[in-house]
Amino acid sequence: MPTFNYDGFKISFEQRGRKQGAAERPIVLIHGLLLPRQHHYLLADALVERGNRVILIDLLGHGGSDRPPHSRYYSMELFARQVVALLDHLDIGEAVVGGTSLGANVTLEMAAHAPSRTRAMFLEMPVLERAAPAAAVIFLPLTIGFAEAQGLIRATAQLVRRVPRNFGIYGNVALDVLSADPVPSAAVLHGLLTGRLAPHPDERAKLDQPALIIGHDRDILHPFSDAQALSRELPNAELVHANSFFELRFPPNRLSDQLCDFLDEVWR
């Protein structure tokens, strides 16, 4: 996969669809926390079928990108700068930017810090103020576990790396997550826990880019109330209620169709 240099580190990315011409409907898809870019492959293929140029990035500490072992390299703001650096590397003036969970929050940071580069936003399962207590409860013990049991986790990861990757996209993604070195993973979680979760609501209220927000029920880390609140804050937002977390995982379906229609309108 191609890479580019960012602050002395290697960032991995790939493109699908219209690779010729930097102005042809580019959309950057950003993965979820500790996941590789491959978990967006099915969605990327559905978007390509509708004429979009899809760019998938592995943020620092994820997938095929470098994984520095210190938390100072990981924050929502730094991740947003990496997306800007990717656009610079590809000579793309502006793009639709979007992602899932972590990717949604990085998208908000991108829109806040580089509004002229963000044509529109796709925000699936944003993690905002209502989810902050659940995020702390889930990720703080996980961070400690990565640090304290790194020997056992590293040994397990080495065994998992030997398993052939022939379990389909999501099976392979799970194997990739389980095979990751625990020290950089702990650093990612620590950096995010000690940084800001997303732009302040007052900042979000100034983000006037078109936004498509997708949320679902029965998820303490991604409560639908956060998606609803964000749709009220953003002045140009549309909220879509998904049936479950899994609905967008197997496109094409109504959600991917709505995203494609949204992109058609954005680029019209």
C-alpha atoms as a PDB file:
ATOM      1  CA  MET A   1       0.000   0.000   0.000  1.00  0.00           C
ATOM      2  CA  PRO A   2       1.191   3.566  -0.644  1.00  0.00           C
ATOM      3  CA  THR A   3       2.438   5.687   2.237  1.00  0.00           C
ATOM      4  CA  PHE A   4       3.431   9.279   2.932  1.00  0.00           C
ATOM      5  CA  ASN A   5       5.609  10.855   5.590  1.00  0.00           C
ATOM      6  CA  TYR A   6       4.043  12.766   8.442  1.00  0.00           C
ATOM      7  CA  ASP A   7       6.172  14.295  11.196  1.00  0.00           C
ATOM      8  CA  GLY A   8       8.828  11.644  10.664  1.00  0.00           C
ATOM      9  CA  PHE A   9       6.373   8.723  10.596  1.00  0.00           C
ATOM     10  CA  LYS A  10       4.872   6.607   7.842  1.00  0.00           C
ATOM     11  CA  ILE A  11       1.121   6.908   7.222  1.00  0.00           C
ATOM     12  CA  SER A  12      -0.504   4.199   5.117  1.00  0.00           C
ATOM     13  CA  PHE A  13      -3.459   4.809   2.788  1.00  0.00           C
ATOM     14  CA  GLU A  14      -5.099   3.472  -0.344  1.00  0.00           C
ATOM     15  CA  GLN A  15      -7.496   4.693  -2.993  1.00  0.00           C
ATOM     16  CA  ARG A  16     -10.437   3.101  -4.741  1.00  0.00           C
ATOM     17  CA  GLY A  17     -12.448   4.425  -7.643  1.00  0.00           C
ATOM     18  CA  ARG A  18     -11.569   7.554  -9.549  1.00  0.00           C
ATOM     19  CA  LYS A  19      -7.848   7.890  -9.015  1.00  0.00           C
ATOM     20  CA  GLN A  20      -7.252  10.273 -11.900  1.00  0.00           C
ATOM     21  CA  GLY A  21      -7.960  13.927 -11.254  1.00  0.00           C
ATOM     22  CA  ALA A  22      -7.782  15.315  -7.742  1.00  0.00           C
ATOM     23  CA  ALA A  23     -11.133  17.106  -8.002  1.00  0.00           C
ATOM     24  CA  GLU A  24     -13.315  14.081  -8.816  1.00  0.00           C
ATOM     25  CA  ARG A  25     -15.621  13.549  -5.841  1.00  0.00           C
ATOM     26  CA  PRO A  26     -13.018  12.492  -3.247  1.00  0.00           C
ATOM     27  CA  ILE A  27     -14.198  11.148   0.102  1.00  0.00           C
ATOM     28  CA  VAL A  28     -11.805  10.201   2.907  1.00  0.00           C
ATOM     29  CA  LEU A  29     -13.080   7.364   5.104  1.00  0.00           C
ATOM     30  CA  ILE A  30     -11.597   7.173   8.616  1.00  0.00           C
ATOM     31  CA  HIS A  31     -11.679   3.934  10.600  1.00  0.00           C
ATOM     32  CA  GLY A  32     -12.853   3.266  14.140  1.00  0.00           C
ATOM     33  CA  LEU A  33     -10.650   3.085  17.234  1.00  0.00           C
ATOM     34  CA  LEU A  34      -7.803   0.510  16.964  1.00  0.00           C
ATOM     35  CA  LEU A  35      -9.280  -0.788  13.703  1.00  0.00           C
ATOM     36  CA  PRO A  36      -7.505  -0.871  10.333  1.00  0.00           C
ATOM     37  CA  ARG A  37      -8.844   0.880   7.241  1.00  0.00           C
ATOM     38  CA  GLN A  38      -9.994  -2.492   5.846  1.00  0.00           C
ATOM     39  CA  HIS A  39     -13.174  -2.434   7.927  1.00  0.00           C
ATOM     40  CA  HIS A  40     -14.486   0.218   5.504  1.00  0.00           C
ATOM     41  CA  TYR A  41     -13.817  -1.885   2.378  1.00  0.00           C
ATOM     42  CA  LEU A  42     -17.442  -2.887   1.728  1.00  0.00           C
ATOM     43  CA  LEU A  43     -18.681   0.677   2.190  1.00  0.00           C
ATOM     44  CA  ALA A  44     -15.865   1.957  -0.023  1.00  0.00           C
ATOM     45  CA  ASP A  45     -16.879  -0.439  -2.788  1.00  0.00           C
ATOM     46  CA  ALA A  46     -20.507   0.713  -2.576  1.00  0.00           C
ATOM     47  CA  LEU A  47     -19.412   4.361  -2.858  1.00  0.00           C
ATOM     48  CA  VAL A  48     -17.121   3.596  -5.796  1.00  0.00           C
ATOM     49  CA  GLU A  49     -20.042   1.996  -7.618  1.00  0.00           C
ATOM     50  CA  ARG A  50     -21.779   5.385  -7.461  1.00  0.00           C
ATOM     51  CA  GLY A  51     -18.837   7.234  -8.992  1.00  0.00           C
ATOM     52  CA  ASN A  52     -16.922   8.398  -5.932  1.00  0.00           C
ATOM     53  CA  ARG A  53     -13.182   8.385  -5.378  1.00  0.00           C
ATOM     54  CA  VAL A  54     -12.665   6.755  -1.983  1.00  0.00           C
ATOM     55  CA  ILE A  55      -9.490   7.301   0.028  1.00  0.00           C
ATOM     56  CA  LEU A  56      -8.890   5.081   3.057  1.00  0.00           C
ATOM     57  CA  ILE A  57      -6.349   6.105   5.687  1.00  0.00           C
ATOM     58  CA  ASP A  58      -4.685   4.294   8.580  1.00  0.00           C
ATOM     59  CA  LEU A  59      -4.164   6.952  11.228  1.00  0.00           C
ATOM     60  CA  LEU A  60      -0.947   6.804  13.224  1.00  0.00           C
ATOM     61  CA  GLY A  61      -1.059   3.812  15.580  1.00  0.00           C
ATOM     62  CA  HIS A  62      -3.467   1.893  13.353  1.00  0.00           C
ATOM     63  CA  GLY A  63      -3.329  -0.612  10.514  1.00  0.00           C
ATOM     64  CA  GLY A  64      -0.265  -0.369   8.312  1.00  0.00           C
ATOM     65  CA  SER A  65       0.902   2.995   9.641  1.00  0.00           C
ATOM     66  CA  ASP A  66       3.737   3.487  12.121  1.00  0.00           C
ATOM     67  CA  ARG A  67       2.914   2.944  15.786  1.00  0.00           C
ATOM     68  CA  PRO A  68       4.994   5.172  18.079  1.00  0.00           C
ATOM     69  CA  PRO A  69       4.815   3.946  21.690  1.00  0.00           C
ATOM     70  CA  HIS A  70       4.087   7.260  23.446  1.00  0.00           C
ATOM     71  CA  SER A  71       0.689   8.849  24.006  1.00  0.00           C
ATOM     72  CA  ARG A  72       1.893  12.320  22.966  1.00  0.00           C
ATOM     73  CA  TYR A  73       1.514  11.249  19.350  1.00  0.00           C
ATOM     74  CA  TYR A  74      -2.193  10.528  19.664  1.00  0.00           C
ATOM     75  CA  SER A  75      -5.081  12.966  19.905  1.00  0.00           C
ATOM     76  CA  MET A  76      -8.129  13.929  17.861  1.00  0.00           C
ATOM     77  CA  GLU A  77      -6.386  17.131  16.776  1.00  0.00           C
ATOM     78  CA  LEU A  78      -3.245  15.293  15.629  1.00  0.00           C
ATOM     79  CA  PHE A  79      -5.331  12.730  13.766  1.00  0.00           C
ATOM     80  CA  ALA A  80      -7.146  15.562  11.960  1.00  0.00           C
ATOM     81  CA  ARG A  81      -3.796  17.033  10.908  1.00  0.00           C
ATOM     82  CA  GLN A  82      -2.865  13.669   9.412  1.00  0.00           C
ATOM     83  CA  VAL A  83      -5.980  13.776   7.229  1.00  0.00           C
ATOM     84  CA  VAL A  84      -5.018  17.277   6.055  1.00  0.00           C
ATOM     85  CA  ALA A  85      -1.507  15.985   5.320  1.00  0.00           C
ATOM     86  CA  LEU A  86      -3.024  13.169   3.250  1.00  0.00           C
ATOM     87  CA  LEU A  87      -4.985  15.683   1.160  1.00  0.00           C
ATOM     88  CA  ASP A  88      -1.794  17.709   0.716  1.00  0.00           C
ATOM     89  CA  HIS A  89       0.090  14.582  -0.351  1.00  0.00           C
ATOM     90  CA  LEU A  90      -2.580  13.789  -2.959  1.00  0.00           C
ATOM     91  CA  ASP A  91      -2.911  17.429  -4.050  1.00  0.00           C
ATOM     92  CA  ILE A  92      -6.614  17.500  -3.177  1.00  0.00           C
ATOM     93  CA  GLY A  93      -7.985  20.907  -2.315  1.00  0.00           C
ATOM     94  CA  GLU A  94     -11.153  19.747  -0.569  1.00  0.00           C
ATOM     95  CA  ALA A  95     -12.877  16.453   0.094  1.00  0.00           C
ATOM     96  CA  VAL A  96     -15.832  14.984   1.875  1.00  0.00           C
ATOM     97  CA  VAL A  97     -14.474  13.548   5.126  1.00  0.00           C
ATOM     98  CA  GLY A  98     -16.173  10.937   7.257  1.00  0.00           C
ATOM     99  CA  GLY A  99     -15.844   7.927   9.449  1.00  0.00           C
ATOM    100  CA  THR A 100     -17.112   5.709  12.211  1.00  0.00           C
ATOM    101  CA  SER A 101     -16.816   6.430  15.949  1.00  0.00           C
ATOM    102  CA  LEU A 102     -13.213   7.669  16.241  1.00  0.00           C
ATOM    103  CA  GLY A 103     -13.427   8.535  12.547  1.00  0.00           C
ATOM    104  CA  ALA A 104     -16.516  10.670  13.146  1.00  0.00           C
ATOM    105  CA  ASN A 105     -14.808  12.631  15.923  1.00  0.00           C
ATOM    106  CA  VAL A 106     -11.676  13.132  13.827  1.00  0.00           C
ATOM    107  CA  THR A 107     -13.937  14.422  11.055  1.00  0.00           C
ATOM    108  CA  LEU A 108     -15.367  17.061  13.409  1.00  0.00           C
ATOM    109  CA  GLU A 109     -11.832  18.144  14.312  1.00  0.00           C
ATOM    110  CA  MET A 110     -10.931  18.281  10.630  1.00  0.00           C
ATOM    111  CA  ALA A 111     -13.927  20.490   9.864  1.00  0.00           C
ATOM    112  CA  ALA A 112     -13.108  22.781  12.797  1.00  0.00           C
ATOM    113  CA  HIS A 113      -9.393  23.196  12.010  1.00  0.00           C
ATOM    114  CA  ALA A 114      -9.484  23.010   8.202  1.00  0.00           C
ATOM    115  CA  PRO A 115     -12.967  24.108   7.106  1.00  0.00           C
ATOM    116  CA  SER A 116     -11.823  25.065   3.612  1.00  0.00           C
ATOM    117  CA  ARG A 117     -10.571  21.505   3.048  1.00  0.00           C
ATOM    118  CA  THR A 118     -13.778  19.838   4.303  1.00  0.00           C
ATOM    119  CA  ARG A 119     -16.541  19.998   1.729  1.00  0.00           C
ATOM    120  CA  ALA A 120     -18.962  17.913   3.795  1.00  0.00           C
ATOM    121  CA  MET A 121     -19.027  15.459   6.706  1.00  0.00           C
ATOM    122  CA  PHE A 122     -20.213  11.878   7.121  1.00  0.00           C
ATOM    123  CA  LEU A 123     -20.505  11.085  10.840  1.00  0.00           C
ATOM    124  CA  GLU A 124     -21.419   7.570  11.921  1.00  0.00           C
ATOM    125  CA  MET A 125     -21.740   6.953  15.672  1.00  0.00           C
ATOM    126  CA  PRO A 126     -20.025  10.096  17.033  1.00  0.00           C
ATOM    127  CA  VAL A 127     -18.753   9.835  20.633  1.00  0.00           C
ATOM    128  CA  LEU A 128     -19.638  13.069  22.417  1.00  0.00           C
ATOM    129  CA  GLU A 129     -20.429  14.385  25.898  1.00  0.00           C
ATOM    130  CA  ARG A 130     -23.148  11.871  26.793  1.00  0.00           C
ATOM    131  CA  ALA A 131     -20.792   9.004  25.971  1.00  0.00           C
ATOM    132  CA  ALA A 132     -17.770  10.399  27.866  1.00  0.00           C
ATOM    133  CA  PRO A 133     -18.431   8.495  31.156  1.00  0.00           C
ATOM    134  CA  ALA A 134     -18.896   5.206  29.278  1.00  0.00           C
ATOM    135  CA  ALA A 135     -15.744   5.834  27.250  1.00  0.00           C
ATOM    136  CA  ALA A 136     -13.744   6.346  30.458  1.00  0.00           C
ATOM    137  CA  VAL A 137     -15.202   3.230  32.077  1.00  0.00           C
ATOM    138  CA  ILE A 138     -14.420   1.102  29.018  1.00  0.00           C
ATOM    139  CA  PHE A 139     -11.073   2.479  27.876  1.00  0.00           C
ATOM    140  CA  LEU A 140      -9.270   3.202  31.156  1.00  0.00           C
ATOM    141  CA  PRO A 141      -9.254  -0.468  32.280  1.00  0.00           C
ATOM    142  CA  LEU A 142      -8.347  -1.486  28.734  1.00  0.00           C
ATOM    143  CA  THR A 143      -5.403   0.931  28.761  1.00  0.00           C
ATOM    144  CA  ILE A 144      -4.191  -0.443  32.096  1.00  0.00           C
ATOM    145  CA  GLY A 145      -4.655  -4.000  30.866  1.00  0.00           C
ATOM    146  CA  PHE A 146      -2.574  -3.364  27.748  1.00  0.00           C
ATOM    147  CA  ALA A 147       0.213  -1.912  29.887  1.00  0.00           C
ATOM    148  CA  GLU A 148       0.193  -4.432  32.741  1.00  0.00           C
ATOM    149  CA  ALA A 149      -0.320  -7.604  30.703  1.00  0.00           C
ATOM    150  CA  GLN A 150       1.767  -6.639  27.695  1.00  0.00           C
ATOM    151  CA  GLY A 151       3.913  -9.781  27.871  1.00  0.00           C
ATOM    152  CA  LEU A 152       0.938 -12.119  27.636  1.00  0.00           C
ATOM    153  CA  ILE A 153      -0.828  -9.957  25.041  1.00  0.00           C
ATOM    154  CA  ARG A 154       2.328  -9.708  22.928  1.00  0.00           C
ATOM    155  CA  ALA A 155       2.793 -13.484  23.000  1.00  0.00           C
ATOM    156  CA  THR A 156      -0.836 -13.980  21.978  1.00  0.00           C
ATOM    157  CA  ALA A 157      -0.444 -11.407  19.205  1.00  0.00           C
ATOM    158  CA  GLN A 158       2.554 -13.260  17.814  1.00  0.00           C
ATOM    159  CA  LEU A 159       0.499 -16.437  17.593  1.00  0.00           C
ATOM    160  CA  VAL A 160      -2.414 -14.636  15.939  1.00  0.00           C
ATOM    161  CA  ARG A 161      -0.071 -13.203  13.277  1.00  0.00           C
ATOM    162  CA  ARG A 162       0.553 -16.757  12.086  1.00  0.00           C
ATOM    163  CA  VAL A 163      -3.132 -17.377  11.376  1.00  0.00           C
ATOM    164  CA  PRO A 164      -3.884 -17.182   7.609  1.00  0.00           C
ATOM    165  CA  ARG A 165      -6.024 -14.211   6.659  1.00  0.00           C
ATOM    166  CA  ASN A 166      -8.833 -16.081   4.891  1.00  0.00           C
ATOM    167  CA  PHE A 167     -11.809 -15.341   7.154  1.00  0.00           C
ATOM    168  CA  GLY A 168     -13.426 -12.572   5.124  1.00  0.00           C
ATOM    169  CA  ILE A 169     -13.087  -8.836   5.656  1.00  0.00           C
ATOM    170  CA  TYR A 170     -14.379  -8.619   9.212  1.00  0.00           C
ATOM    171  CA  GLY A 171     -12.743 -11.846  10.348  1.00  0.00           C
ATOM    172  CA  ASN A 172      -9.421 -10.593   9.016  1.00  0.00           C
ATOM    173  CA  VAL A 173      -9.959  -7.218  10.693  1.00  0.00           C
ATOM    174  CA  ALA A 174     -10.505  -8.984  14.028  1.00  0.00           C
ATOM    175  CA  LEU A 175      -7.284 -10.951  13.544  1.00  0.00           C
ATOM    176  CA  ASP A 176      -5.397  -7.747  12.723  1.00  0.00           C
ATOM    177  CA  VAL A 177      -6.663  -6.113  15.933  1.00  0.00           C
ATOM    178  CA  LEU A 178      -5.700  -9.139  18.031  1.00  0.00           C
ATOM    179  CA  SER A 179      -2.233  -9.251  16.469  1.00  0.00           C
ATOM    180  CA  ALA A 180      -1.377  -5.635  17.323  1.00  0.00           C
ATOM    181  CA  ASP A 181       1.433  -4.760  19.729  1.00  0.00           C
ATOM    182  CA  PRO A 182      -0.188  -3.763  23.060  1.00  0.00           C
ATOM    183  CA  VAL A 183       2.166  -0.875  23.880  1.00  0.00           C
ATOM    184  CA  PRO A 184       1.193   1.424  20.970  1.00  0.00           C
ATOM    185  CA  SER A 185      -2.453   0.429  21.468  1.00  0.00           C
ATOM    186  CA  ALA A 186      -2.243   1.508  25.111  1.00  0.00           C
ATOM    187  CA  ALA A 187      -0.589   4.759  24.000  1.00  0.00           C
ATOM    188  CA  VAL A 188      -3.447   5.456  21.555  1.00  0.00           C
ATOM    189  CA  LEU A 189      -6.051   4.960  24.282  1.00  0.00           C
ATOM    190  CA  HIS A 190      -4.064   7.014  26.814  1.00  0.00           C
ATOM    191  CA  GLY A 191      -3.623   9.876  24.374  1.00  0.00           C
ATOM    192  CA  LEU A 192      -7.322   9.983  23.560  1.00  0.00           C
ATOM    193  CA  LEU A 193      -8.382   9.711  27.205  1.00  0.00           C
ATOM    194  CA  THR A 194      -6.228  12.692  28.198  1.00  0.00           C
ATOM    195  CA  GLY A 195      -7.143  14.852  25.190  1.00  0.00           C
ATOM    196  CA  ARG A 196     -10.363  16.484  24.147  1.00  0.00           C
ATOM    197  CA  LEU A 197     -13.065  14.203  22.816  1.00  0.00           C
ATOM    198  CA  ALA A 198     -14.374  16.580  20.146  1.00  0.00           C
ATOM    199  CA  PRO A 199     -14.668  20.288  19.396  1.00  0.00           C
ATOM    200  CA  HIS A 200     -16.672  22.203  22.006  1.00  0.00           C
ATOM    201  CA  PRO A 201     -20.414  22.507  21.230  1.00  0.00           C
ATOM    202  CA  ASP A 202     -19.911  26.221  20.565  1.00  0.00           C
ATOM    203  CA  GLU A 203     -17.320  25.339  17.919  1.00  0.00           C
ATOM    204  CA  ARG A 204     -19.550  22.654  16.444  1.00  0.00           C
ATOM    205  CA  ALA A 205     -22.380  25.156  16.053  1.00  0.00           C
ATOM    206  CA  LYS A 206     -20.158  27.102  13.623  1.00  0.00           C
ATOM    207  CA  LEU A 207     -19.493  24.135  11.331  1.00  0.00           C
ATOM    208  CA  ASP A 208     -21.777  24.875   8.395  1.00  0.00           C
ATOM    209  CA  GLN A 209     -20.609  22.118   6.056  1.00  0.00           C
ATOM    210  CA  PRO A 210     -23.341  19.695   4.956  1.00  0.00           C
ATOM    211  CA  ALA A 211     -23.342  16.749   7.357  1.00  0.00           C
ATOM    212  CA  LEU A 212     -24.941  13.316   7.292  1.00  0.00           C
ATOM    213  CA  ILE A 213     -25.153  11.811  10.788  1.00  0.00           C
ATOM    214  CA  ILE A 214     -25.944   8.130  11.413  1.00  0.00           C
ATOM    215  CA  GLY A 215     -26.732   6.765  14.866  1.00  0.00           C
ATOM    216  CA  HIS A 216     -28.470   3.792  16.448  1.00  0.00           C
ATOM    217  CA  ASP A 217     -30.000   2.727  19.761  1.00  0.00           C
ATOM    218  CA  ARG A 218     -28.807   0.467  22.601  1.00  0.00           C
ATOM    219  CA  ASP A 219     -25.132   1.459  22.561  1.00  0.00           C
ATOM    220  CA  ILE A 220     -23.648   3.112  25.666  1.00  0.00           C
ATOM    221  CA  LEU A 221     -20.485   4.176  23.822  1.00  0.00           C
ATOM    222  CA  HIS A 222     -22.395   5.621  20.855  1.00  0.00           C
ATOM    223  CA  PRO A 223     -25.751   6.713  22.307  1.00  0.00           C
ATOM    224  CA  PHE A 224     -28.308   7.913  19.803  1.00  0.00           C
ATOM    225  CA  SER A 225     -28.785  10.968  22.012  1.00  0.00           C
ATOM    226  CA  ASP A 226     -25.271  12.124  21.033  1.00  0.00           C
ATOM    227  CA  ALA A 227     -26.159  11.821  17.344  1.00  0.00           C
ATOM    228  CA  GLN A 228     -29.407  13.715  17.971  1.00  0.00           C
ATOM    229  CA  ALA A 229     -27.638  16.482  19.877  1.00  0.00           C
ATOM    230  CA  LEU A 230     -25.029  16.827  17.135  1.00  0.00           C
ATOM    231  CA  SER A 231     -27.743  17.089  14.481  1.00  0.00           C
ATOM    232  CA  ARG A 232     -29.240  19.996  16.438  1.00  0.00           C
ATOM    233  CA  GLU A 233     -25.867  21.714  16.851  1.00  0.00           C
ATOM    234  CA  LEU A 234     -24.678  21.525  13.267  1.00  0.00           C
ATOM    235  CA  PRO A 235     -26.575  24.080  11.152  1.00  0.00           C
ATOM    236  CA  ASN A 236     -26.670  21.962   7.985  1.00  0.00           C
ATOM    237  CA  ALA A 237     -27.123  18.401   9.231  1.00  0.00           C
ATOM    238  CA  GLU A 238     -29.342  15.445   8.367  1.00  0.00           C
ATOM    239  CA  LEU A 239     -29.872  12.678  10.939  1.00  0.00           C
ATOM    240  CA  VAL A 240     -30.481   9.057   9.927  1.00  0.00           C
ATOM    241  CA  HIS A 241     -31.637   6.464  12.460  1.00  0.00           C
ATOM    242  CA  ALA A 242     -29.948   3.117  11.773  1.00  0.00           C
ATOM    243  CA  ASN A 243     -31.632  -0.100  12.860  1.00  0.00           C
ATOM    244  CA  SER A 244     -28.433  -1.382  14.460  1.00  0.00           C
ATOM    245  CA  PHE A 245     -24.643  -1.136  14.466  1.00  0.00           C
ATOM    246  CA  PHE A 246     -24.535  -3.882  11.843  1.00  0.00           C
ATOM    247  CA  GLU A 247     -26.789  -2.237   9.254  1.00  0.00           C
ATOM    248  CA  LEU A 248     -24.039  -0.249   7.525  1.00  0.00           C
ATOM    249  CA  ARG A 249     -21.500  -3.066   7.836  1.00  0.00           C
ATOM    250  CA  PHE A 250     -22.895  -4.952   4.820  1.00  0.00           C
ATOM    251  CA  PRO A 251     -23.661  -2.482   2.030  1.00  0.00           C
ATOM    252  CA  PRO A 252     -25.184  -1.851  -0.379  1.00  0.00           C
ATOM    253  CA  ASN A 253     -28.256  -1.105   1.704  1.00  0.00           C
ATOM    254  CA  ARG A 254     -30.513   1.831   2.517  1.00  0.00           C
ATOM    255  CA  LEU A 255     -27.833   3.555   4.607  1.00  0.00           C
ATOM    256  CA  SER A 256     -25.137   3.345   1.943  1.00  0.00           C
ATOM    257  CA  ASP A 257     -27.734   4.480  -0.608  1.00  0.00           C
ATOM    258  CA  GLN A 258     -28.527   7.511   1.556  1.00  0.00           C
ATOM    259  CA  LEU A 259     -24.837   8.292   1.863  1.00  0.00           C
ATOM    260  CA  CYS A 260     -24.441   8.046  -1.919  1.00  0.00           C
ATOM    261  CA  ASP A 261     -27.441  10.341  -2.443  1.00  0.00           C
ATOM    262  CA  PHE A 262     -25.913  12.765   0.067  1.00  0.00           C
ATOM    263  CA  LEU A 263     -22.628  12.760  -1.886  1.00  0.00           C
ATOM    264  CA  ASP A 264     -24.494  13.343  -5.144  1.00  0.00           C
ATOM    265  CA  GLU A 265     -26.087  16.425  -3.617  1.00  0.00           C
ATOM    266  CA  VAL A 266     -22.812  17.648  -2.090  1.00  0.00           C
ATOM    267  CA  TRP A 267     -20.984  17.507  -5.416  1.00  0.00           C
ATOM    268  CA  ARG A 268     -23.862  18.728  -7.576  1.00  0.00           C
END
